[in-house]
Every structure is written in structure tokens, then in C-alpha cells.
Amino acid sequence: WAYSAEPFRRRLDWLYEGWIEWLP
């Protein structure tokens, strides 16, 4: 499920690049 959610994470990264920071 985490693997299947990778497209959503990448789109958020694209839309908000620089504004958001991920901490896995």
C-alpha cells in the first residue's frame, strides 16, 4: 500500500516542492 501510494507522494512533491518536507 505504501508502494501504491508513491504516485500520490510524488505529485504532492511536484505541486508543493520546497514548501513540504518529508520525514519517513
mmCIF file of all heavy atoms, coordinates in Angstrom:
data_MODEL
# 
_entry.id   MODEL 
# 
loop_
_atom_site.group_PDB 
_atom_site.id 
_atom_site.type_symbol 
_atom_site.label_atom_id 
_atom_site.label_alt_id 
_atom_site.label_comp_id 
_atom_site.label_asym_id 
_atom_site.label_entity_id 
_atom_site.label_seq_id 
_atom_site.pdbx_PDB_ins_code 
_atom_site.Cartn_x 
_atom_site.Cartn_y 
_atom_site.Cartn_z 
_atom_site.occupancy 
_atom_site.B_iso_or_equiv 
_atom_site.pdbx_formal_charge 
_atom_site.auth_seq_id 
_atom_site.auth_comp_id 
_atom_site.auth_asym_id 
_atom_site.auth_atom_id 
_atom_site.pdbx_PDB_model_num 
ATOM 1   N N   . TRP A 1 1  ? 0.833  -1.202 0.000   1.00 0.00 ? 1  TRP A N   1 
ATOM 2   C CA  . TRP A 1 1  ? 0.000  0.000  0.000   1.00 0.00 ? 1  TRP A CA  1 
ATOM 3   C C   . TRP A 1 1  ? 0.868  1.254  0.000   1.00 0.00 ? 1  TRP A C   1 
ATOM 4   O O   . TRP A 1 1  ? 0.549  2.237  -0.698  1.00 0.00 ? 1  TRP A O   1 
ATOM 5   C CB  . TRP A 1 1  ? -0.941 -0.019 1.205   1.00 0.00 ? 1  TRP A CB  1 
ATOM 6   C CG  . TRP A 1 1  ? -1.887 -1.176 1.156   1.00 0.00 ? 1  TRP A CG  1 
ATOM 7   C CD1 . TRP A 1 1  ? -1.837 -2.318 1.904   1.00 0.00 ? 1  TRP A CD1 1 
ATOM 8   C CD2 . TRP A 1 1  ? -2.996 -1.327 0.264   1.00 0.00 ? 1  TRP A CD2 1 
ATOM 9   N NE1 . TRP A 1 1  ? -2.851 -3.159 1.539   1.00 0.00 ? 1  TRP A NE1 1 
ATOM 10  C CE2 . TRP A 1 1  ? -3.579 -2.584 0.546   1.00 0.00 ? 1  TRP A CE2 1 
ATOM 11  C CE3 . TRP A 1 1  ? -3.550 -0.522 -0.723  1.00 0.00 ? 1  TRP A CE3 1 
ATOM 12  C CZ2 . TRP A 1 1  ? -4.697 -3.051 -0.138  1.00 0.00 ? 1  TRP A CZ2 1 
ATOM 13  C CZ3 . TRP A 1 1  ? -4.660 -0.980 -1.405  1.00 0.00 ? 1  TRP A CZ3 1 
ATOM 14  C CH2 . TRP A 1 1  ? -5.225 -2.223 -1.117  1.00 0.00 ? 1  TRP A CH2 1 
ATOM 15  N N   . ALA A 1 2  ? 1.949  1.254  0.760   1.00 0.00 ? 2  ALA A N   1 
ATOM 16  C CA  . ALA A 1 2  ? 2.878  2.386  0.720   1.00 0.00 ? 2  ALA A CA  1 
ATOM 17  C C   . ALA A 1 2  ? 3.478  2.532  -0.674  1.00 0.00 ? 2  ALA A C   1 
ATOM 18  O O   . ALA A 1 2  ? 3.643  3.643  -1.191  1.00 0.00 ? 2  ALA A O   1 
ATOM 19  C CB  . ALA A 1 2  ? 3.972  2.204  1.763   1.00 0.00 ? 2  ALA A CB  1 
ATOM 20  N N   . TYR A 1 3  ? 3.816  1.407  -1.285  1.00 0.00 ? 3  TYR A N   1 
ATOM 21  C CA  . TYR A 1 3  ? 4.337  1.401  -2.657  1.00 0.00 ? 3  TYR A CA  1 
ATOM 22  C C   . TYR A 1 3  ? 3.291  1.959  -3.615  1.00 0.00 ? 3  TYR A C   1 
ATOM 23  O O   . TYR A 1 3  ? 3.605  2.783  -4.485  1.00 0.00 ? 3  TYR A O   1 
ATOM 24  C CB  . TYR A 1 3  ? 4.698  -0.028 -3.006  1.00 0.00 ? 3  TYR A CB  1 
ATOM 25  C CG  . TYR A 1 3  ? 5.244  -0.292 -4.385  1.00 0.00 ? 3  TYR A CG  1 
ATOM 26  C CD1 . TYR A 1 3  ? 6.409  0.307  -4.845  1.00 0.00 ? 3  TYR A CD1 1 
ATOM 27  C CD2 . TYR A 1 3  ? 4.613  -1.214 -5.217  1.00 0.00 ? 3  TYR A CD2 1 
ATOM 28  C CE1 . TYR A 1 3  ? 6.922  0.020  -6.103  1.00 0.00 ? 3  TYR A CE1 1 
ATOM 29  C CE2 . TYR A 1 3  ? 5.118  -1.522 -6.469  1.00 0.00 ? 3  TYR A CE2 1 
ATOM 30  C CZ  . TYR A 1 3  ? 6.272  -0.899 -6.919  1.00 0.00 ? 3  TYR A CZ  1 
ATOM 31  O OH  . TYR A 1 3  ? 6.780  -1.202 -8.159  1.00 0.00 ? 3  TYR A OH  1 
ATOM 32  N N   . SER A 1 4  ? 2.036  1.552  -3.455  1.00 0.00 ? 4  SER A N   1 
ATOM 33  C CA  . SER A 1 4  ? 0.966  2.014  -4.338  1.00 0.00 ? 4  SER A CA  1 
ATOM 34  C C   . SER A 1 4  ? 0.656  3.493  -4.139  1.00 0.00 ? 4  SER A C   1 
ATOM 35  O O   . SER A 1 4  ? 0.064  4.129  -5.021  1.00 0.00 ? 4  SER A O   1 
ATOM 36  C CB  . SER A 1 4  ? -0.306 1.190  -4.104  1.00 0.00 ? 4  SER A CB  1 
ATOM 37  O OG  . SER A 1 4  ? -0.086 -0.175 -4.408  1.00 0.00 ? 4  SER A OG  1 
ATOM 38  N N   . ALA A 1 5  ? 1.045  4.047  -2.988  1.00 0.00 ? 5  ALA A N   1 
ATOM 39  C CA  . ALA A 1 5  ? 0.819  5.466  -2.718  1.00 0.00 ? 5  ALA A CA  1 
ATOM 40  C C   . ALA A 1 5  ? 1.953  6.352  -3.218  1.00 0.00 ? 5  ALA A C   1 
ATOM 41  O O   . ALA A 1 5  ? 1.842  7.585  -3.144  1.00 0.00 ? 5  ALA A O   1 
ATOM 42  C CB  . ALA A 1 5  ? 0.625  5.683  -1.218  1.00 0.00 ? 5  ALA A CB  1 
ATOM 43  N N   . GLU A 1 6  ? 3.025  5.777  -3.729  1.00 0.00 ? 6  GLU A N   1 
ATOM 44  C CA  . GLU A 1 6  ? 4.146  6.576  -4.224  1.00 0.00 ? 6  GLU A CA  1 
ATOM 45  C C   . GLU A 1 6  ? 3.731  7.600  -5.277  1.00 0.00 ? 6  GLU A C   1 
ATOM 46  O O   . GLU A 1 6  ? 4.239  8.724  -5.277  1.00 0.00 ? 6  GLU A O   1 
ATOM 47  C CB  . GLU A 1 6  ? 5.246  5.665  -4.769  1.00 0.00 ? 6  GLU A CB  1 
ATOM 48  C CG  . GLU A 1 6  ? 6.165  5.084  -3.712  1.00 0.00 ? 6  GLU A CG  1 
ATOM 49  C CD  . GLU A 1 6  ? 7.095  6.133  -3.128  1.00 0.00 ? 6  GLU A CD  1 
ATOM 50  O OE1 . GLU A 1 6  ? 6.689  6.797  -2.142  1.00 0.00 ? 6  GLU A OE1 1 
ATOM 51  O OE2 . GLU A 1 6  ? 8.211  6.310  -3.640  1.00 0.00 ? 6  GLU A OE2 1 
ATOM 52  N N   . PRO A 1 7  ? 2.807  7.276  -6.212  1.00 0.00 ? 7  PRO A N   1 
ATOM 53  C CA  . PRO A 1 7  ? 2.394  8.312  -7.166  1.00 0.00 ? 7  PRO A CA  1 
ATOM 54  C C   . PRO A 1 7  ? 1.803  9.544  -6.492  1.00 0.00 ? 7  PRO A C   1 
ATOM 55  O O   . PRO A 1 7  ? 2.046  10.669 -6.933  1.00 0.00 ? 7  PRO A O   1 
ATOM 56  C CB  . PRO A 1 7  ? 1.341  7.584  -8.020  1.00 0.00 ? 7  PRO A CB  1 
ATOM 57  C CG  . PRO A 1 7  ? 1.724  6.141  -7.937  1.00 0.00 ? 7  PRO A CG  1 
ATOM 58  C CD  . PRO A 1 7  ? 2.223  5.961  -6.539  1.00 0.00 ? 7  PRO A CD  1 
ATOM 59  N N   . PHE A 1 8  ? 1.044  9.350  -5.400  1.00 0.00 ? 8  PHE A N   1 
ATOM 60  C CA  . PHE A 1 8  ? 0.438  10.484 -4.716  1.00 0.00 ? 8  PHE A CA  1 
ATOM 61  C C   . PHE A 1 8  ? 1.512  11.326 -4.024  1.00 0.00 ? 8  PHE A C   1 
ATOM 62  O O   . PHE A 1 8  ? 1.460  12.560 -4.040  1.00 0.00 ? 8  PHE A O   1 
ATOM 63  C CB  . PHE A 1 8  ? -0.572 10.002 -3.676  1.00 0.00 ? 8  PHE A CB  1 
ATOM 64  C CG  . PHE A 1 8  ? -1.673 9.144  -4.229  1.00 0.00 ? 8  PHE A CG  1 
ATOM 65  C CD1 . PHE A 1 8  ? -2.353 8.262  -3.406  1.00 0.00 ? 8  PHE A CD1 1 
ATOM 66  C CD2 . PHE A 1 8  ? -2.029 9.206  -5.563  1.00 0.00 ? 8  PHE A CD2 1 
ATOM 67  C CE1 . PHE A 1 8  ? -3.366 7.460  -3.902  1.00 0.00 ? 8  PHE A CE1 1 
ATOM 68  C CE2 . PHE A 1 8  ? -3.051 8.408  -6.075  1.00 0.00 ? 8  PHE A CE2 1 
ATOM 69  C CZ  . PHE A 1 8  ? -3.713 7.531  -5.239  1.00 0.00 ? 8  PHE A CZ  1 
ATOM 70  N N   . ARG A 1 9  ? 2.477  10.657 -3.381  1.00 0.00 ? 9  ARG A N   1 
ATOM 71  C CA  . ARG A 1 9  ? 3.547  11.392 -2.709  1.00 0.00 ? 9  ARG A CA  1 
ATOM 72  C C   . ARG A 1 9  ? 4.330  12.217 -3.714  1.00 0.00 ? 9  ARG A C   1 
ATOM 73  O O   . ARG A 1 9  ? 4.669  13.392 -3.455  1.00 0.00 ? 9  ARG A O   1 
ATOM 74  C CB  . ARG A 1 9  ? 4.485  10.423 -1.965  1.00 0.00 ? 9  ARG A CB  1 
ATOM 75  C CG  . ARG A 1 9  ? 5.539  11.130 -1.119  1.00 0.00 ? 9  ARG A CG  1 
ATOM 76  C CD  . ARG A 1 9  ? 6.534  10.152 -0.531  1.00 0.00 ? 9  ARG A CD  1 
ATOM 77  N NE  . ARG A 1 9  ? 7.319  9.486  -1.559  1.00 0.00 ? 9  ARG A NE  1 
ATOM 78  C CZ  . ARG A 1 9  ? 8.349  10.031 -2.197  1.00 0.00 ? 9  ARG A CZ  1 
ATOM 79  N NH1 . ARG A 1 9  ? 8.724  11.272 -1.919  1.00 0.00 ? 9  ARG A NH1 1 
ATOM 80  N NH2 . ARG A 1 9  ? 9.006  9.353  -3.109  1.00 0.00 ? 9  ARG A NH2 1 
ATOM 81  N N   . ARG A 1 10 ? 4.622  11.627 -4.862  1.00 0.00 ? 10 ARG A N   1 
ATOM 82  C CA  . ARG A 1 10 ? 5.398  12.361 -5.872  1.00 0.00 ? 10 ARG A CA  1 
ATOM 83  C C   . ARG A 1 10 ? 4.606  13.549 -6.424  1.00 0.00 ? 10 ARG A C   1 
ATOM 84  O O   . ARG A 1 10 ? 5.175  14.612 -6.706  1.00 0.00 ? 10 ARG A O   1 
ATOM 85  C CB  . ARG A 1 10 ? 5.826  11.420 -6.993  1.00 0.00 ? 10 ARG A CB  1 
ATOM 86  C CG  . ARG A 1 10 ? 6.918  10.462 -6.567  1.00 0.00 ? 10 ARG A CG  1 
ATOM 87  C CD  . ARG A 1 10 ? 7.509  9.698  -7.736  1.00 0.00 ? 10 ARG A CD  1 
ATOM 88  N NE  . ARG A 1 10 ? 8.530  8.779  -7.272  1.00 0.00 ? 10 ARG A NE  1 
ATOM 89  C CZ  . ARG A 1 10 ? 9.793  9.115  -7.051  1.00 0.00 ? 10 ARG A CZ  1 
ATOM 90  N NH1 . ARG A 1 10 ? 10.193 10.356 -7.265  1.00 0.00 ? 10 ARG A NH1 1 
ATOM 91  N NH2 . ARG A 1 10 ? 10.672 8.217  -6.633  1.00 0.00 ? 10 ARG A NH2 1 
ATOM 92  N N   . ARG A 1 11 ? 3.299  13.378 -6.579  1.00 0.00 ? 11 ARG A N   1 
ATOM 93  C CA  . ARG A 1 11 ? 2.526  14.516 -7.080  1.00 0.00 ? 11 ARG A CA  1 
ATOM 94  C C   . ARG A 1 11 ? 2.500  15.648 -6.059  1.00 0.00 ? 11 ARG A C   1 
ATOM 95  O O   . ARG A 1 11 ? 2.596  16.822 -6.425  1.00 0.00 ? 11 ARG A O   1 
ATOM 96  C CB  . ARG A 1 11 ? 1.102  14.082 -7.435  1.00 0.00 ? 11 ARG A CB  1 
ATOM 97  C CG  . ARG A 1 11 ? 0.322  15.201 -8.116  1.00 0.00 ? 11 ARG A CG  1 
ATOM 98  C CD  . ARG A 1 11 ? -1.003 14.749 -8.654  1.00 0.00 ? 11 ARG A CD  1 
ATOM 99  N NE  . ARG A 1 11 ? -1.716 15.860 -9.270  1.00 0.00 ? 11 ARG A NE  1 
ATOM 100 C CZ  . ARG A 1 11 ? -2.975 15.812 -9.678  1.00 0.00 ? 11 ARG A CZ  1 
ATOM 101 N NH1 . ARG A 1 11 ? -3.656 14.675 -9.554  1.00 0.00 ? 11 ARG A NH1 1 
ATOM 102 N NH2 . ARG A 1 11 ? -3.560 16.855 -10.215 1.00 0.00 ? 11 ARG A NH2 1 
ATOM 103 N N   . LEU A 1 12 ? 2.371  15.318 -4.782  1.00 0.00 ? 12 LEU A N   1 
ATOM 104 C CA  . LEU A 1 12 ? 2.457  16.362 -3.752  1.00 0.00 ? 12 LEU A CA  1 
ATOM 105 C C   . LEU A 1 12 ? 3.814  17.055 -3.793  1.00 0.00 ? 12 LEU A C   1 
ATOM 106 O O   . LEU A 1 12 ? 3.902  18.280 -3.650  1.00 0.00 ? 12 LEU A O   1 
ATOM 107 C CB  . LEU A 1 12 ? 2.212  15.758 -2.372  1.00 0.00 ? 12 LEU A CB  1 
ATOM 108 C CG  . LEU A 1 12 ? 0.796  15.284 -2.078  1.00 0.00 ? 12 LEU A CG  1 
ATOM 109 C CD1 . LEU A 1 12 ? 0.740  14.606 -0.712  1.00 0.00 ? 12 LEU A CD1 1 
ATOM 110 C CD2 . LEU A 1 12 ? -0.202 16.433 -2.131  1.00 0.00 ? 12 LEU A CD2 1 
ATOM 111 N N   . ASP A 1 13 ? 4.870  16.271 -4.002  1.00 0.00 ? 13 ASP A N   1 
ATOM 112 C CA  . ASP A 1 13 ? 6.212  16.851 -4.113  1.00 0.00 ? 13 ASP A CA  1 
ATOM 113 C C   . ASP A 1 13 ? 6.284  17.824 -5.283  1.00 0.00 ? 13 ASP A C   1 
ATOM 114 O O   . ASP A 1 13 ? 6.926  18.873 -5.194  1.00 0.00 ? 13 ASP A O   1 
ATOM 115 C CB  . ASP A 1 13 ? 7.252  15.732 -4.301  1.00 0.00 ? 13 ASP A CB  1 
ATOM 116 C CG  . ASP A 1 13 ? 8.006  15.435 -3.018  1.00 0.00 ? 13 ASP A CG  1 
ATOM 117 O OD1 . ASP A 1 13 ? 7.865  16.190 -2.049  1.00 0.00 ? 13 ASP A OD1 1 
ATOM 118 O OD2 . ASP A 1 13 ? 8.744  14.434 -3.002  1.00 0.00 ? 13 ASP A OD2 1 
ATOM 119 N N   . TRP A 1 14 ? 5.678  17.439 -6.397  1.00 0.00 ? 14 TRP A N   1 
ATOM 120 C CA  . TRP A 1 14 ? 5.696  18.315 -7.569  1.00 0.00 ? 14 TRP A CA  1 
ATOM 121 C C   . TRP A 1 14 ? 4.920  19.607 -7.273  1.00 0.00 ? 14 TRP A C   1 
ATOM 122 O O   . TRP A 1 14 ? 5.410  20.713 -7.505  1.00 0.00 ? 14 TRP A O   1 
ATOM 123 C CB  . TRP A 1 14 ? 5.091  17.609 -8.780  1.00 0.00 ? 14 TRP A CB  1 
ATOM 124 C CG  . TRP A 1 14 ? 4.918  18.535 -9.951  1.00 0.00 ? 14 TRP A CG  1 
ATOM 125 C CD1 . TRP A 1 14 ? 3.843  19.345 -10.221 1.00 0.00 ? 14 TRP A CD1 1 
ATOM 126 C CD2 . TRP A 1 14 ? 5.868  18.794 -10.993 1.00 0.00 ? 14 TRP A CD2 1 
ATOM 127 N NE1 . TRP A 1 14 ? 4.052  20.084 -11.358 1.00 0.00 ? 14 TRP A NE1 1 
ATOM 128 C CE2 . TRP A 1 14 ? 5.292  19.762 -11.851 1.00 0.00 ? 14 TRP A CE2 1 
ATOM 129 C CE3 . TRP A 1 14 ? 7.133  18.295 -11.277 1.00 0.00 ? 14 TRP A CE3 1 
ATOM 130 C CZ2 . TRP A 1 14 ? 5.951  20.233 -12.982 1.00 0.00 ? 14 TRP A CZ2 1 
ATOM 131 C CZ3 . TRP A 1 14 ? 7.793  18.778 -12.423 1.00 0.00 ? 14 TRP A CZ3 1 
ATOM 132 C CH2 . TRP A 1 14 ? 7.209  19.736 -13.263 1.00 0.00 ? 14 TRP A CH2 1 
ATOM 133 N N   . LEU A 1 15 ? 3.706  19.464 -6.771  1.00 0.00 ? 15 LEU A N   1 
ATOM 134 C CA  . LEU A 1 15 ? 2.842  20.623 -6.566  1.00 0.00 ? 15 LEU A CA  1 
ATOM 135 C C   . LEU A 1 15 ? 3.403  21.590 -5.529  1.00 0.00 ? 15 LEU A C   1 
ATOM 136 O O   . LEU A 1 15 ? 3.271  22.807 -5.671  1.00 0.00 ? 15 LEU A O   1 
ATOM 137 C CB  . LEU A 1 15 ? 1.456  20.159 -6.116  1.00 0.00 ? 15 LEU A CB  1 
ATOM 138 C CG  . LEU A 1 15 ? 0.602  19.440 -7.164  1.00 0.00 ? 15 LEU A CG  1 
ATOM 139 C CD1 . LEU A 1 15 ? -0.664 18.891 -6.518  1.00 0.00 ? 15 LEU A CD1 1 
ATOM 140 C CD2 . LEU A 1 15 ? 0.251  20.370 -8.319  1.00 0.00 ? 15 LEU A CD2 1 
ATOM 141 N N   . TYR A 1 16 ? 4.021  21.045 -4.479  1.00 0.00 ? 16 TYR A N   1 
ATOM 142 C CA  . TYR A 1 16 ? 4.433  21.867 -3.337  1.00 0.00 ? 16 TYR A CA  1 
ATOM 143 C C   . TYR A 1 16 ? 5.934  21.781 -3.080  1.00 0.00 ? 16 TYR A C   1 
ATOM 144 O O   . TYR A 1 16 ? 6.375  21.931 -1.936  1.00 0.00 ? 16 TYR A O   1 
ATOM 145 C CB  . TYR A 1 16 ? 3.666  21.426 -2.084  1.00 0.00 ? 16 TYR A CB  1 
ATOM 146 C CG  . TYR A 1 16 ? 2.166  21.529 -2.222  1.00 0.00 ? 16 TYR A CG  1 
ATOM 147 C CD1 . TYR A 1 16 ? 1.375  20.383 -2.267  1.00 0.00 ? 16 TYR A CD1 1 
ATOM 148 C CD2 . TYR A 1 16 ? 1.534  22.764 -2.303  1.00 0.00 ? 16 TYR A CD2 1 
ATOM 149 C CE1 . TYR A 1 16 ? -0.006 20.466 -2.386  1.00 0.00 ? 16 TYR A CE1 1 
ATOM 150 C CE2 . TYR A 1 16 ? 0.161  22.860 -2.425  1.00 0.00 ? 16 TYR A CE2 1 
ATOM 151 C CZ  . TYR A 1 16 ? -0.609 21.709 -2.468  1.00 0.00 ? 16 TYR A CZ  1 
ATOM 152 O OH  . TYR A 1 16 ? -1.975 21.796 -2.594  1.00 0.00 ? 16 TYR A OH  1 
ATOM 153 N N   . GLU A 1 17 ? 6.708  21.578 -4.125  1.00 0.00 ? 17 GLU A N   1 
ATOM 154 C CA  . GLU A 1 17 ? 8.152  21.413 -3.951  1.00 0.00 ? 17 GLU A CA  1 
ATOM 155 C C   . GLU A 1 17 ? 8.748  22.618 -3.221  1.00 0.00 ? 17 GLU A C   1 
ATOM 156 O O   . GLU A 1 17 ? 8.522  23.779 -3.588  1.00 0.00 ? 17 GLU A O   1 
ATOM 157 C CB  . GLU A 1 17 ? 8.842  21.233 -5.299  1.00 0.00 ? 17 GLU A CB  1 
ATOM 158 C CG  . GLU A 1 17 ? 10.315 20.887 -5.167  1.00 0.00 ? 17 GLU A CG  1 
ATOM 159 C CD  . GLU A 1 17 ? 10.943 20.473 -6.500  1.00 0.00 ? 17 GLU A CD  1 
ATOM 160 O OE1 . GLU A 1 17 ? 10.489 20.971 -7.547  1.00 0.00 ? 17 GLU A OE1 1 
ATOM 161 O OE2 . GLU A 1 17 ? 11.872 19.656 -6.470  1.00 0.00 ? 17 GLU A OE2 1 
ATOM 162 N N   . GLY A 1 18 ? 9.503  22.320 -2.176  1.00 0.00 ? 18 GLY A N   1 
ATOM 163 C CA  . GLY A 1 18 ? 10.120 23.364 -1.384  1.00 0.00 ? 18 GLY A CA  1 
ATOM 164 C C   . GLY A 1 18 ? 9.290  23.793 -0.183  1.00 0.00 ? 18 GLY A C   1 
ATOM 165 O O   . GLY A 1 18 ? 9.835  24.259 0.823   1.00 0.00 ? 18 GLY A O   1 
ATOM 166 N N   . TRP A 1 19 ? 7.969  23.629 -0.273  1.00 0.00 ? 19 TRP A N   1 
ATOM 167 C CA  . TRP A 1 19 ? 7.099  24.012 0.831   1.00 0.00 ? 19 TRP A CA  1 
ATOM 168 C C   . TRP A 1 19 ? 6.954  22.896 1.864   1.00 0.00 ? 19 TRP A C   1 
ATOM 169 O O   . TRP A 1 19 ? 6.685  23.173 3.035   1.00 0.00 ? 19 TRP A O   1 
ATOM 170 C CB  . TRP A 1 19 ? 5.700  24.367 0.319   1.00 0.00 ? 19 TRP A CB  1 
ATOM 171 C CG  . TRP A 1 19 ? 5.613  25.559 -0.571  1.00 0.00 ? 19 TRP A CG  1 
ATOM 172 C CD1 . TRP A 1 19 ? 5.371  25.557 -1.917  1.00 0.00 ? 19 TRP A CD1 1 
ATOM 173 C CD2 . TRP A 1 19 ? 5.744  26.930 -0.204  1.00 0.00 ? 19 TRP A CD2 1 
ATOM 174 N NE1 . TRP A 1 19 ? 5.337  26.836 -2.411  1.00 0.00 ? 19 TRP A NE1 1 
ATOM 175 C CE2 . TRP A 1 19 ? 5.563  27.707 -1.374  1.00 0.00 ? 19 TRP A CE2 1 
ATOM 176 C CE3 . TRP A 1 19 ? 5.987  27.580 1.004   1.00 0.00 ? 19 TRP A CE3 1 
ATOM 177 C CZ2 . TRP A 1 19 ? 5.623  29.097 -1.367  1.00 0.00 ? 19 TRP A CZ2 1 
ATOM 178 C CZ3 . TRP A 1 19 ? 6.039  28.970 1.009   1.00 0.00 ? 19 TRP A CZ3 1 
ATOM 179 C CH2 . TRP A 1 19 ? 5.870  29.711 -0.161  1.00 0.00 ? 19 TRP A CH2 1 
ATOM 180 N N   . ILE A 1 20 ? 7.059  21.622 1.400   1.00 0.00 ? 20 ILE A N   1 
ATOM 181 C CA  . ILE A 1 20 ? 6.837  20.497 2.303   1.00 0.00 ? 20 ILE A CA  1 
ATOM 182 C C   . ILE A 1 20 ? 8.123  19.698 2.478   1.00 0.00 ? 20 ILE A C   1 
ATOM 183 O O   . ILE A 1 20 ? 8.972  19.648 1.588   1.00 0.00 ? 20 ILE A O   1 
ATOM 184 C CB  . ILE A 1 20 ? 5.707  19.573 1.801   1.00 0.00 ? 20 ILE A CB  1 
ATOM 185 C CG1 . ILE A 1 20 ? 6.035  18.978 0.426   1.00 0.00 ? 20 ILE A CG1 1 
ATOM 186 C CG2 . ILE A 1 20 ? 4.386  20.309 1.750   1.00 0.00 ? 20 ILE A CG2 1 
ATOM 187 C CD1 . ILE A 1 20 ? 4.990  18.008 -0.082  1.00 0.00 ? 20 ILE A CD1 1 
ATOM 188 N N   . GLU A 1 21 ? 8.245  19.106 3.648   1.00 0.00 ? 21 GLU A N   1 
ATOM 189 C CA  . GLU A 1 21 ? 9.408  18.282 3.967   1.00 0.00 ? 21 GLU A CA  1 
ATOM 190 C C   . GLU A 1 21 ? 8.908  16.940 4.505   1.00 0.00 ? 21 GLU A C   1 
ATOM 191 O O   . GLU A 1 21 ? 8.062  16.907 5.404   1.00 0.00 ? 21 GLU A O   1 
ATOM 192 C CB  . GLU A 1 21 ? 10.277 18.979 5.019   1.00 0.00 ? 21 GLU A CB  1 
ATOM 193 C CG  . GLU A 1 21 ? 11.514 18.204 5.421   1.00 0.00 ? 21 GLU A CG  1 
ATOM 194 C CD  . GLU A 1 21 ? 12.346 18.963 6.439   1.00 0.00 ? 21 GLU A CD  1 
ATOM 195 O OE1 . GLU A 1 21 ? 11.838 19.212 7.558   1.00 0.00 ? 21 GLU A OE1 1 
ATOM 196 O OE2 . GLU A 1 21 ? 13.483 19.322 6.116   1.00 0.00 ? 21 GLU A OE2 1 
ATOM 197 N N   . TRP A 1 22 ? 9.436  15.863 3.946   1.00 0.00 ? 22 TRP A N   1 
ATOM 198 C CA  . TRP A 1 22 ? 9.031  14.519 4.341   1.00 0.00 ? 22 TRP A CA  1 
ATOM 199 C C   . TRP A 1 22 ? 10.025 13.938 5.339   1.00 0.00 ? 22 TRP A C   1 
ATOM 200 O O   . TRP A 1 22 ? 11.238 14.060 5.162   1.00 0.00 ? 22 TRP A O   1 
ATOM 201 C CB  . TRP A 1 22 ? 8.972  13.600 3.121   1.00 0.00 ? 22 TRP A CB  1 
ATOM 202 C CG  . TRP A 1 22 ? 7.974  14.000 2.077   1.00 0.00 ? 22 TRP A CG  1 
ATOM 203 C CD1 . TRP A 1 22 ? 8.176  14.879 1.050   1.00 0.00 ? 22 TRP A CD1 1 
ATOM 204 C CD2 . TRP A 1 22 ? 6.623  13.556 1.969   1.00 0.00 ? 22 TRP A CD2 1 
ATOM 205 N NE1 . TRP A 1 22 ? 7.033  14.996 0.299   1.00 0.00 ? 22 TRP A NE1 1 
ATOM 206 C CE2 . TRP A 1 22 ? 6.061  14.195 0.844   1.00 0.00 ? 22 TRP A CE2 1 
ATOM 207 C CE3 . TRP A 1 22 ? 5.845  12.666 2.710   1.00 0.00 ? 22 TRP A CE3 1 
ATOM 208 C CZ2 . TRP A 1 22 ? 4.746  13.970 0.435   1.00 0.00 ? 22 TRP A CZ2 1 
ATOM 209 C CZ3 . TRP A 1 22 ? 4.533  12.443 2.303   1.00 0.00 ? 22 TRP A CZ3 1 
ATOM 210 C CH2 . TRP A 1 22 ? 3.995  13.093 1.181   1.00 0.00 ? 22 TRP A CH2 1 
ATOM 211 N N   . LEU A 1 23 ? 9.487  13.291 6.366   1.00 0.00 ? 23 LEU A N   1 
ATOM 212 C CA  . LEU A 1 23 ? 10.323 12.572 7.324   1.00 0.00 ? 23 LEU A CA  1 
ATOM 213 C C   . LEU A 1 23 ? 9.817  11.129 7.399   1.00 0.00 ? 23 LEU A C   1 
ATOM 214 O O   . LEU A 1 23 ? 8.900  10.825 8.176   1.00 0.00 ? 23 LEU A O   1 
ATOM 215 C CB  . LEU A 1 23 ? 10.269 13.223 8.712   1.00 0.00 ? 23 LEU A CB  1 
ATOM 216 C CG  . LEU A 1 23 ? 11.066 12.499 9.807   1.00 0.00 ? 23 LEU A CG  1 
ATOM 217 C CD1 . LEU A 1 23 ? 12.551 12.441 9.463   1.00 0.00 ? 23 LEU A CD1 1 
ATOM 218 C CD2 . LEU A 1 23 ? 10.855 13.176 11.159  1.00 0.00 ? 23 LEU A CD2 1 
ATOM 219 N N   . PRO A 1 24 ? 10.387 10.227 6.583   1.00 0.00 ? 24 PRO A N   1 
ATOM 220 C CA  . PRO A 1 24 ? 9.958  8.826  6.654   1.00 0.00 ? 24 PRO A CA  1 
ATOM 221 C C   . PRO A 1 24 ? 10.344 8.199  7.994   1.00 0.00 ? 24 PRO A C   1 
ATOM 222 O O   . PRO A 1 24 ? 11.457 8.374  8.483   1.00 0.00 ? 24 PRO A O   1 
ATOM 223 C CB  . PRO A 1 24 ? 10.718 8.160  5.497   1.00 0.00 ? 24 PRO A CB  1 
ATOM 224 C CG  . PRO A 1 24 ? 11.140 9.276  4.601   1.00 0.00 ? 24 PRO A CG  1 
ATOM 225 C CD  . PRO A 1 24 ? 11.382 10.434 5.516   1.00 0.00 ? 24 PRO A CD  1 
# 
